[in-house]
């Protein structure tokens, strides 16, 4: 029997169906989190699931599931950017799933510092390594802060907020999520009634702290190396920056003839396609799922199937 778990993964059924889980297959859950997709793949009869997470608490909390499915679940503490190195044989995986961004588990733990809704230390690290969000806001120059907020948070008032951060830290360091959230709200000239004013600022800082977009690019390349022909990669993203990277990667690597821009002609050499697109447009959650889980409302699912080295189907 599968343990009852409180976490229900976003578009879980769509992900598992897209992966075409089968008994002899090897699957990689690059963002283990609360084991939502992993549990569904194991329940669907997966031969082996390799669950990867950079958060040591996620690996610790999954030990019970690993014992329950001994021989079918292997836990790896690390980053999905090198997920292909977790395989015993190169290009032997049948499926990869990446559920991007911060997990509900991390958001709900105030001490992790991800949420502006709960007061906690200004941390935001998915692992225990590297600079925290507090280190960044207290030590980074104003111009760079503004650039991060604009680029990674798509925050229109990035300069105003960066200026407010620098002025506030001159009085005393910012160390709490509530302090930063209140500062951002005060700095904003007007508020969107549908979103907390600190939403984009917290997103930008979290992305920088964890190098999320760089890790996504590495993870997509690693998935290409890990999958055997016919294997599938499914990615669930939660904001436009992530979705754009996924869309462009699959599109560019699935085209037999690279396209040139209006400023540059197409390359002379043609690339062998590595993927067959399974989703021309992203799959989105249904109304019922959004009603039961509001955090799912921004989710976008894209998927592609690995082709043979000569660009053909398996």
C-alpha atoms as a PDB file:
ATOM      1  CA  UNK A   1       0.000   0.000   0.000  1.00  0.00           C
ATOM      2  CA  UNK A   2       1.106   3.558  -0.723  1.00  0.00           C
ATOM      3  CA  UNK A   3       1.428   5.802   2.317  1.00  0.00           C
ATOM      4  CA  UNK A   4      -1.140   8.572   2.479  1.00  0.00           C
ATOM      5  CA  UNK A   5       0.772  11.804   1.875  1.00  0.00           C
ATOM      6  CA  UNK A   6      -0.598  15.338   2.178  1.00  0.00           C
ATOM      7  CA  UNK A   7       1.197  16.605  -0.917  1.00  0.00           C
ATOM      8  CA  UNK A   8      -0.659  16.365  -4.226  1.00  0.00           C
ATOM      9  CA  UNK A   9       1.635  17.240  -7.159  1.00  0.00           C
ATOM     10  CA  UNK A  10       0.480  19.758  -9.739  1.00  0.00           C
ATOM     11  CA  UNK A  11      -0.940  18.000 -12.807  1.00  0.00           C
ATOM     12  CA  UNK A  12       0.274  14.699 -11.384  1.00  0.00           C
ATOM     13  CA  UNK A  13      -1.904  12.520 -13.571  1.00  0.00           C
ATOM     14  CA  UNK A  14      -0.936  14.444 -16.714  1.00  0.00           C
ATOM     15  CA  UNK A  15       2.768  14.083 -15.849  1.00  0.00           C
ATOM     16  CA  UNK A  16       2.601  10.327 -15.220  1.00  0.00           C
ATOM     17  CA  UNK A  17       0.487   9.728 -18.325  1.00  0.00           C
ATOM     18  CA  UNK A  18       2.923  11.734 -20.434  1.00  0.00           C
ATOM     19  CA  UNK A  19       5.865   9.720 -19.106  1.00  0.00           C
ATOM     20  CA  UNK A  20       4.159   6.435 -20.065  1.00  0.00           C
ATOM     21  CA  UNK A  21       5.427   4.736 -16.917  1.00  0.00           C
ATOM     22  CA  UNK A  22       6.019   0.982 -17.290  1.00  0.00           C
ATOM     23  CA  UNK A  23       7.318  -1.826 -15.098  1.00  0.00           C
ATOM     24  CA  UNK A  24      10.831  -2.106 -16.519  1.00  0.00           C
ATOM     25  CA  UNK A  25      11.398   1.626 -16.867  1.00  0.00           C
ATOM     26  CA  UNK A  26      13.896   3.845 -15.068  1.00  0.00           C
ATOM     27  CA  UNK A  27      12.652   7.341 -14.227  1.00  0.00           C
ATOM     28  CA  UNK A  28      14.327  10.378 -12.716  1.00  0.00           C
ATOM     29  CA  UNK A  29      12.419  12.801 -10.499  1.00  0.00           C
ATOM     30  CA  UNK A  30      14.862  15.704 -10.552  1.00  0.00           C
ATOM     31  CA  UNK A  31      12.901  17.708  -7.986  1.00  0.00           C
ATOM     32  CA  UNK A  32      11.829  15.139  -5.408  1.00  0.00           C
ATOM     33  CA  UNK A  33      10.279  17.577  -2.930  1.00  0.00           C
ATOM     34  CA  UNK A  34       7.442  15.895  -1.033  1.00  0.00           C
ATOM     35  CA  UNK A  35       7.621  12.816  -3.314  1.00  0.00           C
ATOM     36  CA  UNK A  36       4.390  13.574  -5.172  1.00  0.00           C
ATOM     37  CA  UNK A  37       5.432  12.533  -8.683  1.00  0.00           C
ATOM     38  CA  UNK A  38       7.741   9.819  -7.358  1.00  0.00           C
ATOM     39  CA  UNK A  39       4.921   8.223  -5.374  1.00  0.00           C
ATOM     40  CA  UNK A  40       2.650   8.262  -8.424  1.00  0.00           C
ATOM     41  CA  UNK A  41       5.328   6.712 -10.636  1.00  0.00           C
ATOM     42  CA  UNK A  42       5.978   3.967  -8.088  1.00  0.00           C
ATOM     43  CA  UNK A  43       2.253   3.353  -7.762  1.00  0.00           C
ATOM     44  CA  UNK A  44       2.124   3.106 -11.554  1.00  0.00           C
ATOM     45  CA  UNK A  45       4.625   0.254 -11.476  1.00  0.00           C
ATOM     46  CA  UNK A  46       7.903   2.007 -12.325  1.00  0.00           C
ATOM     47  CA  UNK A  47      10.845  -0.375 -12.194  1.00  0.00           C
ATOM     48  CA  UNK A  48      13.181   2.235 -10.682  1.00  0.00           C
ATOM     49  CA  UNK A  49      12.797   5.868  -9.682  1.00  0.00           C
ATOM     50  CA  UNK A  50      15.831   8.013  -8.895  1.00  0.00           C
ATOM     51  CA  UNK A  51      14.714  10.894  -6.706  1.00  0.00           C
ATOM     52  CA  UNK A  52      17.032  13.905  -6.625  1.00  0.00           C
ATOM     53  CA  UNK A  53      16.808  16.974  -4.410  1.00  0.00           C
ATOM     54  CA  UNK A  54      19.285  19.633  -3.334  1.00  0.00           C
ATOM     55  CA  UNK A  55      17.324  20.114  -0.096  1.00  0.00           C
ATOM     56  CA  UNK A  56      18.644  17.679   2.535  1.00  0.00           C
ATOM     57  CA  UNK A  57      15.312  17.768   4.411  1.00  0.00           C
ATOM     58  CA  UNK A  58      13.520  16.391   1.322  1.00  0.00           C
ATOM     59  CA  UNK A  59      15.920  13.445   1.180  1.00  0.00           C
ATOM     60  CA  UNK A  60      15.523  12.837   4.898  1.00  0.00           C
ATOM     61  CA  UNK A  61      11.724  12.935   4.741  1.00  0.00           C
ATOM     62  CA  UNK A  62      11.687  10.454   1.831  1.00  0.00           C
ATOM     63  CA  UNK A  63      13.535   7.701   3.712  1.00  0.00           C
ATOM     64  CA  UNK A  64      10.292   5.968   4.698  1.00  0.00           C
ATOM     65  CA  UNK A  65       9.149   5.793   1.080  1.00  0.00           C
ATOM     66  CA  UNK A  66      12.560   4.460   0.049  1.00  0.00           C
ATOM     67  CA  UNK A  67      12.246   1.681   2.618  1.00  0.00           C
ATOM     68  CA  UNK A  68       8.716   0.888   1.463  1.00  0.00           C
ATOM     69  CA  UNK A  69       9.873   0.604  -2.149  1.00  0.00           C
ATOM     70  CA  UNK A  70      13.299  -0.899  -1.494  1.00  0.00           C
ATOM     71  CA  UNK A  71      14.926  -1.781  -4.786  1.00  0.00           C
ATOM     72  CA  UNK A  72      12.658   0.583  -6.698  1.00  0.00           C
ATOM     73  CA  UNK A  73      13.548   4.011  -5.261  1.00  0.00           C
ATOM     74  CA  UNK A  74      17.025   5.498  -4.950  1.00  0.00           C
ATOM     75  CA  UNK A  75      17.481   8.871  -3.249  1.00  0.00           C
ATOM     76  CA  UNK A  76      20.225  11.266  -4.330  1.00  0.00           C
ATOM     77  CA  UNK A  77      21.143  14.470  -2.500  1.00  0.00           C
ATOM     78  CA  UNK A  78      22.268  16.812  -5.246  1.00  0.00           C
ATOM     79  CA  UNK A  79      21.176  19.073  -8.070  1.00  0.00           C
ATOM     80  CA  UNK A  80      19.308  18.018 -11.189  1.00  0.00           C
ATOM     81  CA  UNK A  81      21.752  19.929 -13.355  1.00  0.00           C
ATOM     82  CA  UNK A  82      23.883  16.777 -13.475  1.00  0.00           C
ATOM     83  CA  UNK A  83      21.096  14.190 -13.234  1.00  0.00           C
ATOM     84  CA  UNK A  84      22.627  12.126 -16.019  1.00  0.00           C
ATOM     85  CA  UNK A  85      25.516  11.218 -13.702  1.00  0.00           C
ATOM     86  CA  UNK A  86      23.086   9.344 -11.412  1.00  0.00           C
ATOM     87  CA  UNK A  87      22.566   6.574 -13.982  1.00  0.00           C
ATOM     88  CA  UNK A  88      24.476   3.309 -13.926  1.00  0.00           C
ATOM     89  CA  UNK A  89      24.638   3.395 -17.719  1.00  0.00           C
ATOM     90  CA  UNK A  90      24.651   6.442 -20.016  1.00  0.00           C
ATOM     91  CA  UNK A  91      21.441   7.336 -21.851  1.00  0.00           C
ATOM     92  CA  UNK A  92      19.438   4.624 -20.094  1.00  0.00           C
ATOM     93  CA  UNK A  93      16.540   6.544 -18.501  1.00  0.00           C
ATOM     94  CA  UNK A  94      12.985   6.179 -19.779  1.00  0.00           C
ATOM     95  CA  UNK A  95      11.708   9.417 -18.308  1.00  0.00           C
ATOM     96  CA  UNK A  96      12.650  12.624 -16.498  1.00  0.00           C
ATOM     97  CA  UNK A  97      10.320  14.972 -14.650  1.00  0.00           C
ATOM     98  CA  UNK A  98      11.288  18.426 -13.382  1.00  0.00           C
ATOM     99  CA  UNK A  99       8.892  20.377 -11.158  1.00  0.00           C
ATOM    100  CA  UNK A 100      10.480  23.810 -11.043  1.00  0.00           C
ATOM    101  CA  UNK A 101      10.617  26.556  -8.464  1.00  0.00           C
ATOM    102  CA  UNK A 102      10.078  26.406  -4.729  1.00  0.00           C
ATOM    103  CA  UNK A 103       8.025  23.574  -3.243  1.00  0.00           C
ATOM    104  CA  UNK A 104       4.897  24.002  -1.140  1.00  0.00           C
ATOM    105  CA  UNK A 105       6.806  22.318   1.674  1.00  0.00           C
ATOM    106  CA  UNK A 106       9.514  24.998   1.559  1.00  0.00           C
ATOM    107  CA  UNK A 107       7.016  27.854   1.263  1.00  0.00           C
ATOM    108  CA  UNK A 108       5.088  26.681   4.302  1.00  0.00           C
ATOM    109  CA  UNK A 109       8.169  26.512   6.537  1.00  0.00           C
ATOM    110  CA  UNK A 110       8.722  30.032   7.833  1.00  0.00           C
ATOM    111  CA  UNK A 111      12.258  29.213   8.953  1.00  0.00           C
ATOM    112  CA  UNK A 112      13.303  28.604   5.327  1.00  0.00           C
ATOM    113  CA  UNK A 113      12.680  32.249   4.475  1.00  0.00           C
ATOM    114  CA  UNK A 114      10.975  31.738   1.109  1.00  0.00           C
ATOM    115  CA  UNK A 115       7.604  33.309   1.881  1.00  0.00           C
ATOM    116  CA  UNK A 116       6.590  36.902   2.439  1.00  0.00           C
ATOM    117  CA  UNK A 117       3.441  35.561   4.103  1.00  0.00           C
ATOM    118  CA  UNK A 118       5.330  34.127   7.094  1.00  0.00           C
ATOM    119  CA  UNK A 119       7.952  35.936   9.145  1.00  0.00           C
ATOM    120  CA  UNK A 120      11.262  34.121   9.199  1.00  0.00           C
ATOM    121  CA  UNK A 121      14.977  34.540   8.553  1.00  0.00           C
ATOM    122  CA  UNK A 122      15.739  35.985   5.122  1.00  0.00           C
ATOM    123  CA  UNK A 123      17.361  32.821   3.785  1.00  0.00           C
ATOM    124  CA  UNK A 124      15.761  31.277   0.625  1.00  0.00           C
ATOM    125  CA  UNK A 125      18.490  28.664   0.106  1.00  0.00           C
ATOM    126  CA  UNK A 126      17.191  25.330  -1.154  1.00  0.00           C
ATOM    127  CA  UNK A 127      20.360  23.773   0.210  1.00  0.00           C
ATOM    128  CA  UNK A 128      22.386  24.901   3.190  1.00  0.00           C
ATOM    129  CA  UNK A 129      25.237  26.181   1.021  1.00  0.00           C
ATOM    130  CA  UNK A 130      26.186  29.558  -0.376  1.00  0.00           C
ATOM    131  CA  UNK A 131      25.044  33.119   0.288  1.00  0.00           C
ATOM    132  CA  UNK A 132      21.550  33.650   1.666  1.00  0.00           C
ATOM    133  CA  UNK A 133      19.015  36.227   0.509  1.00  0.00           C
ATOM    134  CA  UNK A 134      20.029  38.366   3.499  1.00  0.00           C
ATOM    135  CA  UNK A 135      23.630  38.311   2.295  1.00  0.00           C
ATOM    136  CA  UNK A 136      22.523  39.486  -1.141  1.00  0.00           C
ATOM    137  CA  UNK A 137      20.236  42.328  -0.075  1.00  0.00           C
ATOM    138  CA  UNK A 138      22.759  43.639   2.447  1.00  0.00           C
ATOM    139  CA  UNK A 139      25.920  43.393   0.355  1.00  0.00           C
ATOM    140  CA  UNK A 140      24.963  43.836  -3.310  1.00  0.00           C
ATOM    141  CA  UNK A 141      25.271  47.231  -4.945  1.00  0.00           C
ATOM    142  CA  UNK A 142      22.077  49.069  -5.822  1.00  0.00           C
ATOM    143  CA  UNK A 143      22.471  48.838  -9.582  1.00  0.00           C
ATOM    144  CA  UNK A 144      22.887  45.051  -9.497  1.00  0.00           C
ATOM    145  CA  UNK A 145      19.939  44.642  -7.140  1.00  0.00           C
ATOM    146  CA  UNK A 146      17.755  46.642  -9.515  1.00  0.00           C
ATOM    147  CA  UNK A 147      18.960  44.552 -12.466  1.00  0.00           C
ATOM    148  CA  UNK A 148      18.101  41.313 -10.651  1.00  0.00           C
ATOM    149  CA  UNK A 149      14.619  42.521  -9.735  1.00  0.00           C
ATOM    150  CA  UNK A 150      13.956  43.579 -13.317  1.00  0.00           C
ATOM    151  CA  UNK A 151      15.450  40.514 -15.001  1.00  0.00           C
ATOM    152  CA  UNK A 152      14.378  37.707 -12.665  1.00  0.00           C
ATOM    153  CA  UNK A 153      11.270  39.207 -11.112  1.00  0.00           C
ATOM    154  CA  UNK A 154      10.093  41.287 -14.091  1.00  0.00           C
ATOM    155  CA  UNK A 155       9.511  43.997 -11.504  1.00  0.00           C
ATOM    156  CA  UNK A 156       8.650  47.345 -13.111  1.00  0.00           C
ATOM    157  CA  UNK A 157       9.610  49.270  -9.984  1.00  0.00           C
ATOM    158  CA  UNK A 158      12.976  47.567  -9.616  1.00  0.00           C
ATOM    159  CA  UNK A 159      15.016  50.764  -9.256  1.00  0.00           C
ATOM    160  CA  UNK A 160      12.696  52.228  -6.680  1.00  0.00           C
ATOM    161  CA  UNK A 161      12.789  49.028  -4.595  1.00  0.00           C
ATOM    162  CA  UNK A 162      16.577  48.661  -4.878  1.00  0.00           C
ATOM    163  CA  UNK A 163      17.004  52.252  -3.736  1.00  0.00           C
ATOM    164  CA  UNK A 164      14.741  51.605  -0.741  1.00  0.00           C
ATOM    165  CA  UNK A 165      16.706  48.468   0.196  1.00  0.00           C
ATOM    166  CA  UNK A 166      20.017  50.307   0.121  1.00  0.00           C
ATOM    167  CA  UNK A 167      18.627  53.158   2.224  1.00  0.00           C
ATOM    168  CA  UNK A 168      17.151  50.758   4.797  1.00  0.00           C
ATOM    169  CA  UNK A 169      20.286  48.627   5.175  1.00  0.00           C
ATOM    170  CA  UNK A 170      22.345  51.761   5.835  1.00  0.00           C
ATOM    171  CA  UNK A 171      20.396  52.034   9.096  1.00  0.00           C
ATOM    172  CA  UNK A 172      20.537  48.328   9.969  1.00  0.00           C
ATOM    173  CA  UNK A 173      20.877  45.042   8.061  1.00  0.00           C
ATOM    174  CA  UNK A 174      17.733  43.393   6.703  1.00  0.00           C
ATOM    175  CA  UNK A 175      17.443  39.935   8.272  1.00  0.00           C
ATOM    176  CA  UNK A 176      13.739  38.996   8.280  1.00  0.00           C
ATOM    177  CA  UNK A 177      11.271  38.219   5.489  1.00  0.00           C
ATOM    178  CA  UNK A 178       8.675  40.478   7.114  1.00  0.00           C
ATOM    179  CA  UNK A 179      11.103  43.412   7.064  1.00  0.00           C
ATOM    180  CA  UNK A 180      11.801  43.051   3.359  1.00  0.00           C
ATOM    181  CA  UNK A 181       8.143  42.498   2.471  1.00  0.00           C
ATOM    182  CA  UNK A 182       7.083  45.635   4.371  1.00  0.00           C
ATOM    183  CA  UNK A 183       9.888  47.675   2.823  1.00  0.00           C
ATOM    184  CA  UNK A 184       8.910  46.624  -0.709  1.00  0.00           C
ATOM    185  CA  UNK A 185       5.231  47.338  -0.070  1.00  0.00           C
ATOM    186  CA  UNK A 186       6.090  50.820   1.193  1.00  0.00           C
ATOM    187  CA  UNK A 187       8.355  51.517  -1.793  1.00  0.00           C
ATOM    188  CA  UNK A 188       5.712  50.580  -4.381  1.00  0.00           C
ATOM    189  CA  UNK A 189       3.745  53.542  -5.761  1.00  0.00           C
ATOM    190  CA  UNK A 190       0.659  51.388  -6.244  1.00  0.00           C
ATOM    191  CA  UNK A 191      -0.352  47.801  -5.561  1.00  0.00           C
ATOM    192  CA  UNK A 192      -1.910  45.126  -7.727  1.00  0.00           C
ATOM    193  CA  UNK A 193      -4.892  43.943  -5.653  1.00  0.00           C
ATOM    194  CA  UNK A 194      -4.425  40.399  -6.984  1.00  0.00           C
ATOM    195  CA  UNK A 195      -0.767  40.022  -5.949  1.00  0.00           C
ATOM    196  CA  UNK A 196       1.260  40.859  -2.863  1.00  0.00           C
ATOM    197  CA  UNK A 197       3.610  43.768  -3.699  1.00  0.00           C
ATOM    198  CA  UNK A 198       6.659  41.712  -2.652  1.00  0.00           C
ATOM    199  CA  UNK A 199       5.874  38.743  -4.928  1.00  0.00           C
ATOM    200  CA  UNK A 200       8.253  39.660  -7.737  1.00  0.00           C
ATOM    201  CA  UNK A 201      11.048  40.793  -5.430  1.00  0.00           C
ATOM    202  CA  UNK A 202      11.003  37.520  -3.508  1.00  0.00           C
ATOM    203  CA  UNK A 203      10.905  35.544  -6.754  1.00  0.00           C
ATOM    204  CA  UNK A 204      13.922  37.394  -8.133  1.00  0.00           C
ATOM    205  CA  UNK A 205      16.010  36.956  -4.990  1.00  0.00           C
ATOM    206  CA  UNK A 206      15.121  33.264  -4.735  1.00  0.00           C
ATOM    207  CA  UNK A 207      16.155  32.692  -8.359  1.00  0.00           C
ATOM    208  CA  UNK A 208      19.504  34.412  -7.785  1.00  0.00           C
ATOM    209  CA  UNK A 209      20.214  32.676  -4.464  1.00  0.00           C
ATOM    210  CA  UNK A 210      19.659  29.243  -6.038  1.00  0.00           C
ATOM    211  CA  UNK A 211      20.789  29.996  -9.619  1.00  0.00           C
ATOM    212  CA  UNK A 212      17.482  28.494 -10.709  1.00  0.00           C
ATOM    213  CA  UNK A 213      17.566  29.481 -14.370  1.00  0.00           C
ATOM    214  CA  UNK A 214      21.138  28.317 -14.840  1.00  0.00           C
ATOM    215  CA  UNK A 215      20.258  25.063 -13.112  1.00  0.00           C
ATOM    216  CA  UNK A 216      17.255  24.640 -15.409  1.00  0.00           C
ATOM    217  CA  UNK A 217      19.424  25.017 -18.508  1.00  0.00           C
ATOM    218  CA  UNK A 218      21.886  22.470 -17.144  1.00  0.00           C
ATOM    219  CA  UNK A 219      19.043  20.143 -16.193  1.00  0.00           C
ATOM    220  CA  UNK A 220      17.546  20.184 -19.674  1.00  0.00           C
ATOM    221  CA  UNK A 221      20.914  19.363 -21.234  1.00  0.00           C
ATOM    222  CA  UNK A 222      21.450  16.616 -18.652  1.00  0.00           C
ATOM    223  CA  UNK A 223      18.017  15.185 -19.457  1.00  0.00           C
ATOM    224  CA  UNK A 224      18.975  14.990 -23.116  1.00  0.00           C
ATOM    225  CA  UNK A 225      22.083  13.038 -22.149  1.00  0.00           C
ATOM    226  CA  UNK A 226      20.221  10.793 -19.692  1.00  0.00           C
ATOM    227  CA  UNK A 227      17.299   9.650 -21.835  1.00  0.00           C
ATOM    228  CA  UNK A 228      17.429   6.735 -24.224  1.00  0.00           C
ATOM    229  CA  UNK A 229      15.590   7.005 -27.566  1.00  0.00           C
ATOM    230  CA  UNK A 230      11.869   7.047 -26.869  1.00  0.00           C
ATOM    231  CA  UNK A 231      12.416   8.397 -23.343  1.00  0.00           C
ATOM    232  CA  UNK A 232      10.423  11.425 -22.329  1.00  0.00           C
ATOM    233  CA  UNK A 233      11.144  14.643 -20.462  1.00  0.00           C
ATOM    234  CA  UNK A 234       8.274  16.455 -18.726  1.00  0.00           C
ATOM    235  CA  UNK A 235       8.780  19.896 -17.183  1.00  0.00           C
ATOM    236  CA  UNK A 236       6.298  21.808 -15.021  1.00  0.00           C
ATOM    237  CA  UNK A 237       7.147  25.498 -14.686  1.00  0.00           C
ATOM    238  CA  UNK A 238       5.480  28.277 -12.721  1.00  0.00           C
ATOM    239  CA  UNK A 239       6.520  31.564 -14.288  1.00  0.00           C
ATOM    240  CA  UNK A 240       7.293  32.924 -17.723  1.00  0.00           C
ATOM    241  CA  UNK A 241      11.076  32.962 -17.351  1.00  0.00           C
ATOM    242  CA  UNK A 242      11.183  29.211 -16.703  1.00  0.00           C
ATOM    243  CA  UNK A 243       8.591  28.380 -19.335  1.00  0.00           C
ATOM    244  CA  UNK A 244      10.429  30.393 -21.973  1.00  0.00           C
ATOM    245  CA  UNK A 245      13.674  28.502 -21.361  1.00  0.00           C
ATOM    246  CA  UNK A 246      11.906  25.137 -21.593  1.00  0.00           C
ATOM    247  CA  UNK A 247       9.961  26.116 -24.710  1.00  0.00           C
ATOM    248  CA  UNK A 248      13.033  27.440 -26.515  1.00  0.00           C
ATOM    249  CA  UNK A 249      15.199  24.452 -25.573  1.00  0.00           C
ATOM    250  CA  UNK A 250      12.737  21.868 -26.871  1.00  0.00           C
ATOM    251  CA  UNK A 251      11.891  23.937 -29.946  1.00  0.00           C
ATOM    252  CA  UNK A 252      15.496  24.617 -30.920  1.00  0.00           C
ATOM    253  CA  UNK A 253      16.618  21.042 -30.307  1.00  0.00           C
ATOM    254  CA  UNK A 254      13.673  19.549 -32.167  1.00  0.00           C
ATOM    255  CA  UNK A 255      14.076  21.563 -35.384  1.00  0.00           C
ATOM    256  CA  UNK A 256      16.021  19.825 -38.167  1.00  0.00           C
ATOM    257  CA  UNK A 257      16.948  23.206 -39.642  1.00  0.00           C
ATOM    258  CA  UNK A 258      17.837  25.970 -37.164  1.00  0.00           C
ATOM    259  CA  UNK A 259      15.988  29.175 -37.891  1.00  0.00           C
ATOM    260  CA  UNK A 260      17.767  32.467 -38.299  1.00  0.00           C
ATOM    261  CA  UNK A 261      16.527  35.729 -36.869  1.00  0.00           C
ATOM    262  CA  UNK A 262      15.575  38.701 -39.008  1.00  0.00           C
ATOM    263  CA  UNK A 263      19.031  40.100 -38.222  1.00  0.00           C
ATOM    264  CA  UNK A 264      20.972  36.939 -38.984  1.00  0.00           C
ATOM    265  CA  UNK A 265      20.517  34.226 -41.649  1.00  0.00           C
ATOM    266  CA  UNK A 266      20.174  30.552 -40.705  1.00  0.00           C
ATOM    267  CA  UNK A 267      23.412  28.655 -40.040  1.00  0.00           C
ATOM    268  CA  UNK A 268      24.804  26.750 -43.006  1.00  0.00           C
ATOM    269  CA  UNK A 269      25.072  23.480 -41.076  1.00  0.00           C
ATOM    270  CA  UNK A 270      21.868  21.726 -40.096  1.00  0.00           C
ATOM    271  CA  UNK A 271      21.505  20.223 -36.626  1.00  0.00           C
ATOM    272  CA  UNK A 272      20.269  16.692 -36.078  1.00  0.00           C
ATOM    273  CA  UNK A 273      17.042  16.962 -34.065  1.00  0.00           C
ATOM    274  CA  UNK A 274      17.276  15.501 -30.568  1.00  0.00           C
ATOM    275  CA  UNK A 275      13.609  15.760 -29.565  1.00  0.00           C
ATOM    276  CA  UNK A 276      10.088  15.286 -30.838  1.00  0.00           C
ATOM    277  CA  UNK A 277       7.716  17.802 -29.316  1.00  0.00           C
ATOM    278  CA  UNK A 278       4.801  16.270 -27.416  1.00  0.00           C
ATOM    279  CA  UNK A 279       3.265  19.631 -26.481  1.00  0.00           C
ATOM    280  CA  UNK A 280       3.131  22.365 -29.099  1.00  0.00           C
ATOM    281  CA  UNK A 281       1.405  24.522 -26.506  1.00  0.00           C
ATOM    282  CA  UNK A 282       1.747  24.092 -22.744  1.00  0.00           C
ATOM    283  CA  UNK A 283      -0.778  22.004 -20.836  1.00  0.00           C
ATOM    284  CA  UNK A 284      -2.389  23.930 -17.987  1.00  0.00           C
ATOM    285  CA  UNK A 285      -4.301  22.770 -14.890  1.00  0.00           C
ATOM    286  CA  UNK A 286      -8.056  22.375 -15.063  1.00  0.00           C
ATOM    287  CA  UNK A 287     -10.476  24.551 -13.134  1.00  0.00           C
ATOM    288  CA  UNK A 288     -11.084  21.858 -10.516  1.00  0.00           C
ATOM    289  CA  UNK A 289      -7.389  21.517  -9.722  1.00  0.00           C
ATOM    290  CA  UNK A 290      -6.910  25.271  -9.461  1.00  0.00           C
ATOM    291  CA  UNK A 291      -9.913  25.500  -7.135  1.00  0.00           C
ATOM    292  CA  UNK A 292      -8.449  22.833  -4.838  1.00  0.00           C
ATOM    293  CA  UNK A 293      -4.861  24.091  -5.145  1.00  0.00           C
ATOM    294  CA  UNK A 294      -4.579  27.815  -5.998  1.00  0.00           C
ATOM    295  CA  UNK A 295      -0.787  27.500  -6.304  1.00  0.00           C
ATOM    296  CA  UNK A 296      -1.356  25.456  -9.462  1.00  0.00           C
ATOM    297  CA  UNK A 297      -2.916  28.351 -11.365  1.00  0.00           C
ATOM    298  CA  UNK A 298       0.347  29.492 -12.992  1.00  0.00           C
ATOM    299  CA  UNK A 299       1.644  26.012 -13.858  1.00  0.00           C
ATOM    300  CA  UNK A 300       2.626  25.138 -17.418  1.00  0.00           C
ATOM    301  CA  UNK A 301       3.556  21.623 -18.566  1.00  0.00           C
ATOM    302  CA  UNK A 302       5.766  20.985 -21.583  1.00  0.00           C
ATOM    303  CA  UNK A 303       7.100  17.638 -22.770  1.00  0.00           C
ATOM    304  CA  UNK A 304       9.258  16.125 -25.481  1.00  0.00           C
ATOM    305  CA  UNK A 305      10.449  12.663 -26.540  1.00  0.00           C
ATOM    306  CA  UNK A 306      14.092  11.789 -27.114  1.00  0.00           C
ATOM    307  CA  UNK A 307      14.962  10.767 -30.664  1.00  0.00           C
ATOM    308  CA  UNK A 308      17.641   8.397 -31.916  1.00  0.00           C
ATOM    309  CA  UNK A 309      21.114   9.836 -32.649  1.00  0.00           C
ATOM    310  CA  UNK A 310      20.203  10.193 -36.337  1.00  0.00           C
ATOM    311  CA  UNK A 311      17.071  12.161 -35.471  1.00  0.00           C
ATOM    312  CA  UNK A 312      14.605   9.329 -35.904  1.00  0.00           C
ATOM    313  CA  UNK A 313      12.042   7.885 -33.539  1.00  0.00           C
ATOM    314  CA  UNK A 314      12.835   4.840 -31.424  1.00  0.00           C
END
